[in-house]
């Protein structure tokens, strides 16, 4: 059973930065595309970023492009989300996700089989 544990959330002022981490269990971590999603109160869970198995390809939602950077360290079974120039609209619970494997729509919740418990990010204005 895959376990994903996020950390690094918190309260930050607009314009500030945070770095989220997601530690994954399981020996096959390096075989899967990983993603970050977020969910604000009263809204649906939305795609933020994804990274392929090797880290050679990354994908971002338009709303975070140029401000967020996703990376991975397969030796540590960990993915990261560096968030800079944060805005109040970035406030949400952020979830790490592991894909089902194979080809798929990296931006779709249904492409992922496992989600972590989430970490709260709050950006004050």
Foldseek 3Di string as FASTA:
>chain_A
DKAKAKDWADEEAAQAKIKMKIAIDDDCLLQWKKFKWWDDPPGDIWGAKIAGSVRPDIDGDPVQPPFWDKGDDSVRRMIMIIGGRDDQVVWTWMKMFTAPGDDDDRGDPVRTDDIHPTDTHGYHD
